[in-house]
Amino acid sequence: MSISARIFEIMTERKMSQKEFARRTGIPESTISDWKRKNNTPSADKIMVICETLQVSPYDLLGADIEYGQMVVDMESDLGAMVNTYRHLSREQQNRVLGYAQGLLDITEKGV
């Protein structure tokens, strides 16, 4: 299920109209309509206000799409710091980090 479809599903569950959703989020009704008509995905900067308005976590909103590689990361968390650091490494350094992480997993799985 797409993110926009999930938003409309939750709105329906909450008995919230597009007009009410627009008022609460500050997102123009035309933008919300585009999500539905064109199956557009909301921009990242709107995800948190959408989650707050619908009273769901980003994981709940985006969880169905994680299998396709989309994930919300709190950049203030340890994982966020790791992602940010990784993004600034060269490709060679990224490959080394991935190899190291895989090595740690292998050791953990063997119970060492």
C-alpha atoms as a PDB file:
ATOM      1  CA  MET A   1       0.000   0.000   0.000  1.00  0.00           C
ATOM      2  CA  SER A   2       1.336   3.435  -0.889  1.00  0.00           C
ATOM      3  CA  ILE A   3       1.924   6.100   1.740  1.00  0.00           C
ATOM      4  CA  SER A   4      -0.857   8.269   0.313  1.00  0.00           C
ATOM      5  CA  ALA A   5      -3.291   5.317   0.323  1.00  0.00           C
ATOM      6  CA  ARG A   6      -2.357   4.631   3.952  1.00  0.00           C
ATOM      7  CA  ILE A   7      -3.021   8.282   4.859  1.00  0.00           C
ATOM      8  CA  PHE A   8      -6.513   8.111   3.342  1.00  0.00           C
ATOM      9  CA  GLU A   9      -7.157   4.775   5.023  1.00  0.00           C
ATOM     10  CA  ILE A  10      -6.283   6.264   8.420  1.00  0.00           C
ATOM     11  CA  MET A  11      -8.331   9.392   7.696  1.00  0.00           C
ATOM     12  CA  THR A  12     -11.321   7.154   6.972  1.00  0.00           C
ATOM     13  CA  GLU A  13     -10.735   5.184  10.185  1.00  0.00           C
ATOM     14  CA  ARG A  14     -10.633   8.489  12.093  1.00  0.00           C
ATOM     15  CA  LYS A  15     -13.705   9.785  10.214  1.00  0.00           C
ATOM     16  CA  MET A  16     -11.670  12.813   9.164  1.00  0.00           C
ATOM     17  CA  SER A  17     -12.539  14.700   5.985  1.00  0.00           C
ATOM     18  CA  GLN A  18      -9.891  16.077   3.638  1.00  0.00           C
ATOM     19  CA  LYS A  19     -10.980  19.565   4.625  1.00  0.00           C
ATOM     20  CA  GLU A  20     -10.491  18.825   8.343  1.00  0.00           C
ATOM     21  CA  PHE A  21      -7.157  17.125   7.634  1.00  0.00           C
ATOM     22  CA  ALA A  22      -6.010  20.155   5.625  1.00  0.00           C
ATOM     23  CA  ARG A  23      -7.063  22.523   8.416  1.00  0.00           C
ATOM     24  CA  ARG A  24      -5.233  20.515  11.088  1.00  0.00           C
ATOM     25  CA  THR A  25      -2.038  19.998   9.098  1.00  0.00           C
ATOM     26  CA  GLY A  26      -1.839  23.309   7.263  1.00  0.00           C
ATOM     27  CA  ILE A  27      -1.381  21.378   4.014  1.00  0.00           C
ATOM     28  CA  PRO A  28      -3.431  22.807   1.119  1.00  0.00           C
ATOM     29  CA  GLU A  29      -6.474  20.741   0.128  1.00  0.00           C
ATOM     30  CA  SER A  30      -5.236  20.743  -3.473  1.00  0.00           C
ATOM     31  CA  THR A  31      -2.021  19.012  -2.366  1.00  0.00           C
ATOM     32  CA  ILE A  32      -3.995  16.418  -0.441  1.00  0.00           C
ATOM     33  CA  SER A  33      -6.227  15.858  -3.473  1.00  0.00           C
ATOM     34  CA  ASP A  34      -3.134  15.306  -5.619  1.00  0.00           C
ATOM     35  CA  TRP A  35      -2.002  12.568  -3.248  1.00  0.00           C
ATOM     36  CA  LYS A  36      -5.274  10.789  -3.880  1.00  0.00           C
ATOM     37  CA  ARG A  37      -5.774  11.476  -7.600  1.00  0.00           C
ATOM     38  CA  LYS A  38      -2.159  11.084  -8.720  1.00  0.00           C
ATOM     39  CA  ASN A  39      -1.071   8.725  -5.939  1.00  0.00           C
ATOM     40  CA  ASN A  40       1.687  11.221  -5.108  1.00  0.00           C
ATOM     41  CA  THR A  41       3.714  10.739  -1.959  1.00  0.00           C
ATOM     42  CA  PRO A  42       3.834  13.558   0.604  1.00  0.00           C
ATOM     43  CA  SER A  43       7.186  15.275   0.909  1.00  0.00           C
ATOM     44  CA  ALA A  44       9.365  14.231   3.842  1.00  0.00           C
ATOM     45  CA  ASP A  45       8.910  17.565   5.629  1.00  0.00           C
ATOM     46  CA  LYS A  46       5.169  16.880   5.911  1.00  0.00           C
ATOM     47  CA  ILE A  47       5.401  13.338   7.333  1.00  0.00           C
ATOM     48  CA  MET A  48       5.741  14.388  10.985  1.00  0.00           C
ATOM     49  CA  VAL A  49       2.787  16.810  10.911  1.00  0.00           C
ATOM     50  CA  ILE A  50       0.721  14.126   9.164  1.00  0.00           C
ATOM     51  CA  CYS A  51       1.679  11.590  11.841  1.00  0.00           C
ATOM     52  CA  GLU A  52       0.838  14.033  14.640  1.00  0.00           C
ATOM     53  CA  THR A  53      -2.521  14.871  13.089  1.00  0.00           C
ATOM     54  CA  LEU A  54      -3.446  11.234  12.485  1.00  0.00           C
ATOM     55  CA  GLN A  55      -1.963  10.195  15.849  1.00  0.00           C
ATOM     56  CA  VAL A  56       0.264   7.497  14.360  1.00  0.00           C
ATOM     57  CA  SER A  57       4.006   6.949  14.437  1.00  0.00           C
ATOM     58  CA  PRO A  58       6.076   7.392  11.270  1.00  0.00           C
ATOM     59  CA  TYR A  59       6.686   3.643  11.408  1.00  0.00           C
ATOM     60  CA  ASP A  60       2.923   2.996  11.414  1.00  0.00           C
ATOM     61  CA  LEU A  61       2.452   5.353   8.493  1.00  0.00           C
ATOM     62  CA  LEU A  62       5.434   4.159   6.448  1.00  0.00           C
ATOM     63  CA  GLY A  63       5.745   0.608   7.761  1.00  0.00           C
ATOM     64  CA  ALA A  64       4.006  -0.966   4.790  1.00  0.00           C
ATOM     65  CA  ASP A  65       6.625   0.556   2.507  1.00  0.00           C
ATOM     66  CA  ILE A  66       9.721  -0.455   4.439  1.00  0.00           C
ATOM     67  CA  GLU A  67      10.036  -3.586   2.319  1.00  0.00           C
ATOM     68  CA  TYR A  68      10.614  -1.220  -0.619  1.00  0.00           C
ATOM     69  CA  GLY A  69      13.466   0.545   1.125  1.00  0.00           C
ATOM     70  CA  GLN A  70      11.710   3.521   2.700  1.00  0.00           C
ATOM     71  CA  MET A  71      12.329   4.135   6.347  1.00  0.00           C
ATOM     72  CA  VAL A  72      12.048   7.048   8.741  1.00  0.00           C
ATOM     73  CA  VAL A  73      15.095   7.602  10.936  1.00  0.00           C
ATOM     74  CA  ASP A  74      15.273  10.013  13.853  1.00  0.00           C
ATOM     75  CA  MET A  75      18.474  11.855  12.950  1.00  0.00           C
ATOM     76  CA  GLU A  76      19.056  12.627  16.646  1.00  0.00           C
ATOM     77  CA  SER A  77      19.255   8.899  17.461  1.00  0.00           C
ATOM     78  CA  ASP A  78      22.308   6.651  17.298  1.00  0.00           C
ATOM     79  CA  LEU A  79      20.954   5.172  14.076  1.00  0.00           C
ATOM     80  CA  GLY A  80      20.489   8.667  12.642  1.00  0.00           C
ATOM     81  CA  ALA A  81      24.092   9.563  13.514  1.00  0.00           C
ATOM     82  CA  MET A  82      25.249   6.340  11.890  1.00  0.00           C
ATOM     83  CA  VAL A  83      23.248   7.021   8.718  1.00  0.00           C
ATOM     84  CA  ASN A  84      24.556  10.579   8.518  1.00  0.00           C
ATOM     85  CA  THR A  85      28.155   9.457   8.991  1.00  0.00           C
ATOM     86  CA  TYR A  86      27.759   6.679   6.422  1.00  0.00           C
ATOM     87  CA  ARG A  87      26.376   9.134   3.857  1.00  0.00           C
ATOM     88  CA  HIS A  88      29.542  11.228   4.112  1.00  0.00           C
ATOM     89  CA  LEU A  89      31.938   8.331   3.513  1.00  0.00           C
ATOM     90  CA  SER A  90      33.465   7.484   0.152  1.00  0.00           C
ATOM     91  CA  ARG A  91      32.056   4.458  -1.669  1.00  0.00           C
ATOM     92  CA  GLU A  92      35.126   2.442  -0.679  1.00  0.00           C
ATOM     93  CA  GLN A  93      34.684   3.402   2.984  1.00  0.00           C
ATOM     94  CA  GLN A  94      30.976   2.544   2.831  1.00  0.00           C
ATOM     95  CA  ASN A  95      31.844  -0.904   1.486  1.00  0.00           C
ATOM     96  CA  ARG A  96      34.326  -1.400   4.335  1.00  0.00           C
ATOM     97  CA  VAL A  97      31.679  -0.431   6.907  1.00  0.00           C
ATOM     98  CA  LEU A  98      29.193  -2.859   5.348  1.00  0.00           C
ATOM     99  CA  GLY A  99      31.811  -5.615   5.403  1.00  0.00           C
ATOM    100  CA  TYR A 100      32.600  -4.903   9.034  1.00  0.00           C
ATOM    101  CA  ALA A 101      28.899  -4.921   9.965  1.00  0.00           C
ATOM    102  CA  GLN A 102      28.404  -8.228   8.159  1.00  0.00           C
ATOM    103  CA  GLY A 103      31.414  -9.637  10.014  1.00  0.00           C
ATOM    104  CA  LEU A 104      29.859  -8.605  13.331  1.00  0.00           C
ATOM    105  CA  LEU A 105      26.600 -10.312  12.362  1.00  0.00           C
ATOM    106  CA  ASP A 106      28.473 -13.483  11.414  1.00  0.00           C
ATOM    107  CA  ILE A 107      30.274 -13.514  14.780  1.00  0.00           C
ATOM    108  CA  THR A 108      27.008 -12.895  16.638  1.00  0.00           C
ATOM    109  CA  GLU A 109      25.222 -15.691  14.770  1.00  0.00           C
ATOM    110  CA  LYS A 110      28.026 -18.124  15.625  1.00  0.00           C
ATOM    111  CA  GLY A 111      27.745 -17.160  19.290  1.00  0.00           C
ATOM    112  CA  VAL A 112      31.325 -15.952  19.571  1.00  0.00           C
END
